[in-house]
Amino acid sequence: MENFRWSFGILFSRLVRLESMDGKVALVPWADMLNHSPEVDAFLDYDKSSQGIVFTTDRSYQPGEQVFISYGKKSSGELLLSYGFVPKEGTNPNDSVEFLVSLNKSDECYKEKLQALKKHGLSESESFPLRVTGWPVELMAYAFLVVSPPEMIQRFEEMAVAASNKGSSKPALNYPELDEQALQFILDCCESSIKKYTKYLEGAKGSAEVSINTKQANRTLLLKQLARDLCISERRILYRSQYILRRRLRDMRAGGELKALSLFNGLRKLFK
């Protein structure tokens, strides 16, 4: 088991995917010592003419300057899991949070909605990547399904198709009557997630350190700090999403109030 863990760790932390060889993976000694940078778009690949692995940089480097490579467009969580590090907060444009949403079991259409999801390979709880730049259309489709009333039962399946992203073409998500409820649902889930992250971070501050030996204690401290860094980074994405959602909901509600006021004034003039 010890040998297996070592081998598994080596493979996942050092493998290289070679695009010109149909994505085959390989271990490339020395080349795996190159460090990752989110700002770099250069990769190792197999060169048929030289029959070797080559690395072409995407910019000029000065003598003595560290050369960086891209490990792929990975979130900070993926980088920590596979390579054991977390980029500095705010520097990874590919950062995301696995955002969990679920059907409401008390929903009178719970069974019908679950059936529609299962038909397209989804379950009652699903996670979607939430980024600083926004959320995917699949998450919005899932939210529409969650908040849709019984009279929209004929549209459950098309919502499930959009949430699964398995259709031949992306269907237009046009449910204006559900927009506000769907965004409020995502906001509620977002705020619930923020509370969990905050609770973890506050608890991690005062946790007692367990030291077996110096080397093990240092490794434990490092892993705890990396976990904290990752949580702070992911919570930042949730805070950003929370801000966008609140702004959008506020604008929608303000627009509704203005429409209602305009209608009221029009009726008042009519009766006048």
Protein backbone atom coordinates (compact mmCIF):
# COMPACT_ATOMS: atom_id res chain seq x y z
CA MET A 1 0.00 0.00 0.00
CA GLU A 2 2.87 2.37 0.79
CA ASN A 3 4.42 1.71 -2.65
CA PHE A 4 1.05 2.18 -4.33
CA ARG A 5 0.49 5.55 -2.63
CA TRP A 6 3.97 6.69 -3.62
CA SER A 7 3.41 5.61 -7.25
CA PHE A 8 -0.04 7.18 -7.39
CA GLY A 9 1.34 10.47 -6.02
CA ILE A 10 4.22 10.50 -8.51
CA LEU A 11 1.89 9.80 -11.43
CA PHE A 12 -0.68 12.47 -10.58
CA SER A 13 1.83 15.15 -9.62
CA ARG A 14 4.21 14.64 -12.56
CA LEU A 15 2.38 13.17 -15.55
CA VAL A 16 2.40 15.12 -18.83
CA ARG A 17 -0.41 14.91 -21.37
CA LEU A 18 0.96 14.90 -24.95
CA GLU A 19 -1.59 16.45 -27.29
CA SER A 20 0.20 15.46 -30.53
CA MET A 21 0.02 11.82 -29.41
CA ASP A 22 -3.76 11.87 -28.96
CA GLY A 23 -3.51 12.92 -25.34
CA LYS A 24 -1.30 10.07 -24.17
CA VAL A 25 0.25 10.62 -20.76
CA ALA A 26 3.93 10.20 -19.96
CA LEU A 27 6.47 10.78 -17.21
CA VAL A 28 9.20 13.14 -18.45
CA PRO A 29 12.23 13.29 -16.09
CA TRP A 30 13.63 16.79 -15.40
CA ALA A 31 10.87 18.49 -17.40
CA ASP A 32 8.50 17.89 -14.50
CA MET A 33 10.61 20.28 -12.40
CA LEU A 34 9.22 23.27 -14.33
CA ASN A 35 6.83 25.27 -12.14
CA HIS A 36 3.30 26.31 -13.13
CA SER A 37 2.08 29.83 -13.77
CA PRO A 38 -1.57 30.71 -14.59
CA GLU A 39 -0.27 33.49 -16.86
CA VAL A 40 1.62 31.10 -19.14
CA ASP A 41 0.12 29.27 -22.11
CA ALA A 42 3.01 26.94 -23.02
CA PHE A 43 3.01 23.15 -22.74
CA LEU A 44 5.29 20.17 -23.15
CA ASP A 45 4.59 18.08 -26.24
CA TYR A 46 6.06 15.34 -28.39
CA ASP A 47 8.01 16.49 -31.46
CA LYS A 48 7.92 13.96 -34.32
CA SER A 49 10.97 15.36 -36.15
CA SER A 50 13.29 15.07 -33.15
CA GLN A 51 11.35 12.16 -31.60
CA GLY A 52 11.56 13.79 -28.22
CA ILE A 53 9.60 15.91 -25.76
CA VAL A 54 10.01 19.64 -26.44
CA PHE A 55 8.98 22.82 -24.67
CA THR A 56 8.55 26.05 -26.61
CA THR A 57 8.11 29.13 -24.42
CA ASP A 58 5.40 31.68 -25.15
CA ARG A 59 7.63 34.65 -24.29
CA SER A 60 11.29 35.65 -24.01
CA TYR A 61 13.22 34.94 -20.81
CA GLN A 62 16.34 36.62 -19.46
CA PRO A 63 19.38 34.54 -18.37
CA GLY A 64 18.86 33.34 -14.80
CA GLU A 65 15.09 34.02 -14.90
CA GLN A 66 12.79 31.15 -13.91
CA VAL A 67 10.99 29.55 -16.85
CA PHE A 68 7.33 28.67 -16.24
CA ILE A 69 4.99 26.19 -17.86
CA SER A 70 1.23 25.63 -17.75
CA TYR A 71 -0.11 22.54 -16.00
CA GLY A 72 -3.42 23.22 -17.71
CA LYS A 73 -6.44 25.42 -17.04
CA LYS A 74 -7.04 24.11 -13.54
CA SER A 75 -8.73 25.57 -10.50
CA SER A 76 -6.76 26.11 -7.30
CA GLY A 77 -8.48 23.06 -5.81
CA GLU A 78 -7.26 20.85 -8.67
CA LEU A 79 -3.74 22.27 -8.37
CA LEU A 80 -3.66 21.57 -4.63
CA LEU A 81 -5.00 18.04 -5.03
CA SER A 82 -2.66 17.04 -7.87
CA TYR A 83 0.45 19.16 -7.29
CA GLY A 84 0.39 20.28 -3.67
CA PHE A 85 0.27 24.08 -4.03
CA VAL A 86 -2.25 26.92 -4.25
CA PRO A 87 -1.58 30.01 -6.43
CA LYS A 88 -1.61 33.38 -4.74
CA GLU A 89 -5.17 34.59 -4.17
CA GLY A 90 -6.60 36.40 -7.19
CA THR A 91 -3.88 35.26 -9.64
CA ASN A 92 -5.60 32.20 -11.09
CA PRO A 93 -8.12 33.11 -13.83
CA ASN A 94 -9.28 29.48 -13.93
CA ASP A 95 -10.24 29.43 -10.27
CA SER A 96 -13.67 28.04 -9.44
CA VAL A 97 -15.80 26.67 -6.62
CA GLU A 98 -17.70 23.39 -6.87
CA PHE A 99 -21.12 24.86 -6.11
CA LEU A 100 -23.63 22.35 -4.75
CA VAL A 101 -27.37 22.74 -5.37
CA SER A 102 -30.23 20.35 -4.62
CA LEU A 103 -33.91 19.76 -5.27
CA ASN A 104 -36.27 20.53 -2.42
CA LYS A 105 -37.70 17.24 -1.14
CA SER A 106 -40.81 19.03 0.12
CA ASP A 107 -41.57 20.23 -3.43
CA GLU A 108 -44.91 18.75 -4.57
CA CYS A 109 -43.28 18.02 -7.96
CA TYR A 110 -40.11 16.52 -6.44
CA LYS A 111 -40.64 13.08 -8.03
CA GLU A 112 -41.33 14.50 -11.50
CA LYS A 113 -38.30 16.80 -11.34
CA LEU A 114 -36.04 14.02 -10.08
CA GLN A 115 -37.28 11.73 -12.86
CA ALA A 116 -36.46 14.39 -15.48
CA LEU A 117 -32.96 14.84 -14.03
CA LYS A 118 -32.22 11.11 -13.85
CA LYS A 119 -33.35 10.67 -17.44
CA HIS A 120 -30.47 12.93 -18.46
CA GLY A 121 -27.82 11.60 -16.11
CA LEU A 122 -28.27 14.03 -13.23
CA SER A 123 -29.29 13.54 -9.60
CA GLU A 124 -31.19 15.47 -6.94
CA SER A 125 -27.91 17.13 -5.86
CA GLU A 126 -25.45 18.45 -8.43
CA SER A 127 -22.34 20.62 -8.36
CA PHE A 128 -21.45 23.24 -10.96
CA PRO A 129 -18.28 25.32 -11.34
CA LEU A 130 -18.84 28.82 -10.00
CA ARG A 131 -16.25 31.35 -11.21
CA VAL A 132 -15.42 34.99 -10.48
CA THR A 133 -16.70 35.78 -13.97
CA GLY A 134 -20.10 34.18 -13.30
CA TRP A 135 -21.94 30.88 -13.34
CA PRO A 136 -22.61 28.39 -16.16
CA VAL A 137 -25.90 28.20 -18.05
CA GLU A 138 -26.29 24.64 -16.71
CA LEU A 139 -26.55 25.97 -13.15
CA MET A 140 -29.21 28.47 -14.22
CA ALA A 141 -31.17 25.67 -15.92
CA TYR A 142 -30.99 23.56 -12.74
CA ALA A 143 -32.21 26.55 -10.70
CA PHE A 144 -35.13 27.07 -13.10
CA LEU A 145 -36.13 23.44 -12.60
CA VAL A 146 -35.90 23.71 -8.80
CA VAL A 147 -38.18 26.76 -8.59
CA SER A 148 -40.61 25.90 -11.40
CA PRO A 149 -44.26 25.49 -10.29
CA PRO A 150 -46.51 22.47 -11.05
CA GLU A 151 -48.15 24.18 -14.03
CA MET A 152 -44.78 24.10 -15.83
CA ILE A 153 -44.47 20.30 -15.57
CA GLN A 154 -44.38 19.98 -19.37
CA ARG A 155 -41.13 21.98 -19.40
CA PHE A 156 -39.28 20.03 -16.69
CA GLU A 157 -37.50 17.84 -19.23
CA GLU A 158 -36.19 20.70 -21.36
CA MET A 159 -34.79 22.31 -18.21
CA ALA A 160 -33.11 19.01 -17.26
CA VAL A 161 -31.61 18.74 -20.77
CA ALA A 162 -30.16 22.25 -20.46
CA ALA A 163 -28.80 21.46 -16.99
CA SER A 164 -27.07 18.32 -18.26
CA ASN A 165 -25.58 20.05 -21.33
CA LYS A 166 -26.11 16.83 -23.31
CA GLY A 167 -28.41 18.20 -25.96
CA SER A 168 -27.27 18.49 -29.59
CA SER A 169 -27.69 22.27 -29.32
CA LYS A 170 -27.94 24.55 -26.31
CA PRO A 171 -31.62 25.35 -25.79
CA ALA A 172 -32.56 28.96 -25.06
CA LEU A 173 -33.39 29.39 -21.40
CA ASN A 174 -36.32 31.76 -21.64
CA TYR A 175 -38.42 31.67 -18.49
CA PRO A 176 -38.81 35.37 -17.54
CA GLU A 177 -41.47 34.51 -14.96
CA LEU A 178 -38.89 32.42 -13.07
CA ASP A 179 -35.82 34.67 -13.36
CA GLU A 180 -36.15 36.31 -9.95
CA GLN A 181 -36.92 33.07 -8.10
CA ALA A 182 -34.04 31.22 -9.79
CA LEU A 183 -31.52 33.95 -8.93
CA GLN A 184 -32.82 34.07 -5.35
CA PHE A 185 -32.38 30.28 -5.11
CA ILE A 186 -28.74 30.54 -6.28
CA LEU A 187 -28.16 33.44 -3.87
CA ASP A 188 -29.55 31.42 -0.93
CA CYS A 189 -27.25 28.49 -1.80
CA CYS A 190 -24.34 30.90 -2.17
CA GLU A 191 -24.92 32.45 1.25
CA SER A 192 -25.26 29.00 2.82
CA SER A 193 -21.90 27.99 1.31
CA ILE A 194 -20.24 31.19 2.57
CA LYS A 195 -21.37 30.37 6.13
CA LYS A 196 -19.79 26.90 5.88
CA TYR A 197 -16.49 28.31 4.60
CA THR A 198 -16.46 30.97 7.33
CA LYS A 199 -17.21 28.39 10.03
CA TYR A 200 -14.33 26.20 8.79
CA LEU A 201 -11.87 29.11 8.62
CA GLU A 202 -12.80 30.34 12.10
CA GLY A 203 -12.47 26.81 13.50
CA ALA A 204 -9.12 26.25 11.78
CA LYS A 205 -7.62 29.31 13.51
CA GLY A 206 -7.74 27.80 16.95
CA SER A 207 -7.20 24.13 16.14
CA ALA A 208 -4.55 22.37 18.17
CA GLU A 209 -1.44 21.23 16.30
CA VAL A 210 -0.67 17.52 16.38
CA SER A 211 3.07 16.87 16.17
CA ILE A 212 4.48 13.40 15.61
CA ASN A 213 7.96 14.50 14.65
CA THR A 214 9.44 17.68 13.25
CA LYS A 215 9.15 16.67 9.60
CA GLN A 216 5.58 15.42 10.01
CA ALA A 217 4.59 18.48 12.06
CA ASN A 218 5.95 20.84 9.39
CA ARG A 219 4.08 18.95 6.68
CA THR A 220 0.86 19.07 8.71
CA LEU A 221 1.24 22.82 9.20
CA LEU A 222 1.91 23.32 5.49
CA LEU A 223 -1.16 21.31 4.46
CA LYS A 224 -3.35 23.21 6.92
CA GLN A 225 -2.11 26.52 5.56
CA LEU A 226 -2.70 25.39 1.98
CA ALA A 227 -6.23 24.28 2.90
CA ARG A 228 -6.87 27.70 4.46
CA ASP A 229 -5.49 29.47 1.39
CA LEU A 230 -7.76 27.42 -0.86
CA CYS A 231 -10.83 28.11 1.30
CA ILE A 232 -10.10 31.85 1.34
CA SER A 233 -9.72 31.84 -2.44
CA GLU A 234 -12.96 29.91 -2.98
CA ARG A 235 -14.87 32.03 -0.49
CA ARG A 236 -13.73 35.10 -2.43
CA ILE A 237 -15.49 33.70 -5.52
CA LEU A 238 -18.65 33.11 -3.47
CA TYR A 239 -18.53 36.69 -2.13
CA ARG A 240 -18.20 38.01 -5.68
CA SER A 241 -21.14 35.88 -6.86
CA GLN A 242 -23.19 37.01 -3.86
CA TYR A 243 -22.55 40.65 -4.77
CA ILE A 244 -23.53 40.14 -8.44
CA LEU A 245 -26.69 38.23 -7.51
CA ARG A 246 -27.82 40.86 -5.00
CA ARG A 247 -27.24 43.64 -7.53
CA ARG A 248 -29.15 41.81 -10.24
CA LEU A 249 -32.07 41.02 -7.94
CA ARG A 250 -32.17 44.60 -6.69
CA ASP A 251 -32.28 45.92 -10.27
CA MET A 252 -35.01 43.44 -11.22
CA ARG A 253 -37.13 44.39 -8.21
CA ALA A 254 -36.59 48.10 -8.77
CA GLY A 255 -37.66 47.61 -12.41
CA GLY A 256 -40.80 45.82 -11.27
CA GLU A 257 -41.66 48.62 -8.85
CA LEU A 258 -41.22 51.24 -11.60
CA LYS A 259 -43.48 49.27 -13.96
CA ALA A 260 -46.14 48.96 -11.25
CA LEU A 261 -45.90 52.70 -10.52
CA SER A 262 -46.17 53.54 -14.24
CA LEU A 263 -49.24 51.31 -14.59
CA PHE A 264 -50.85 52.89 -11.52
CA ASN A 265 -50.26 56.41 -12.87
CA GLY A 266 -51.71 55.38 -16.25
CA LEU A 267 -54.87 54.03 -14.61
CA ARG A 268 -55.18 57.14 -12.48
CA LYS A 269 -55.02 59.36 -15.58
CA LEU A 270 -57.57 57.14 -17.36
CA PHE A 271 -60.13 57.45 -14.54
CA LYS A 272 -59.35 61.13 -14.11
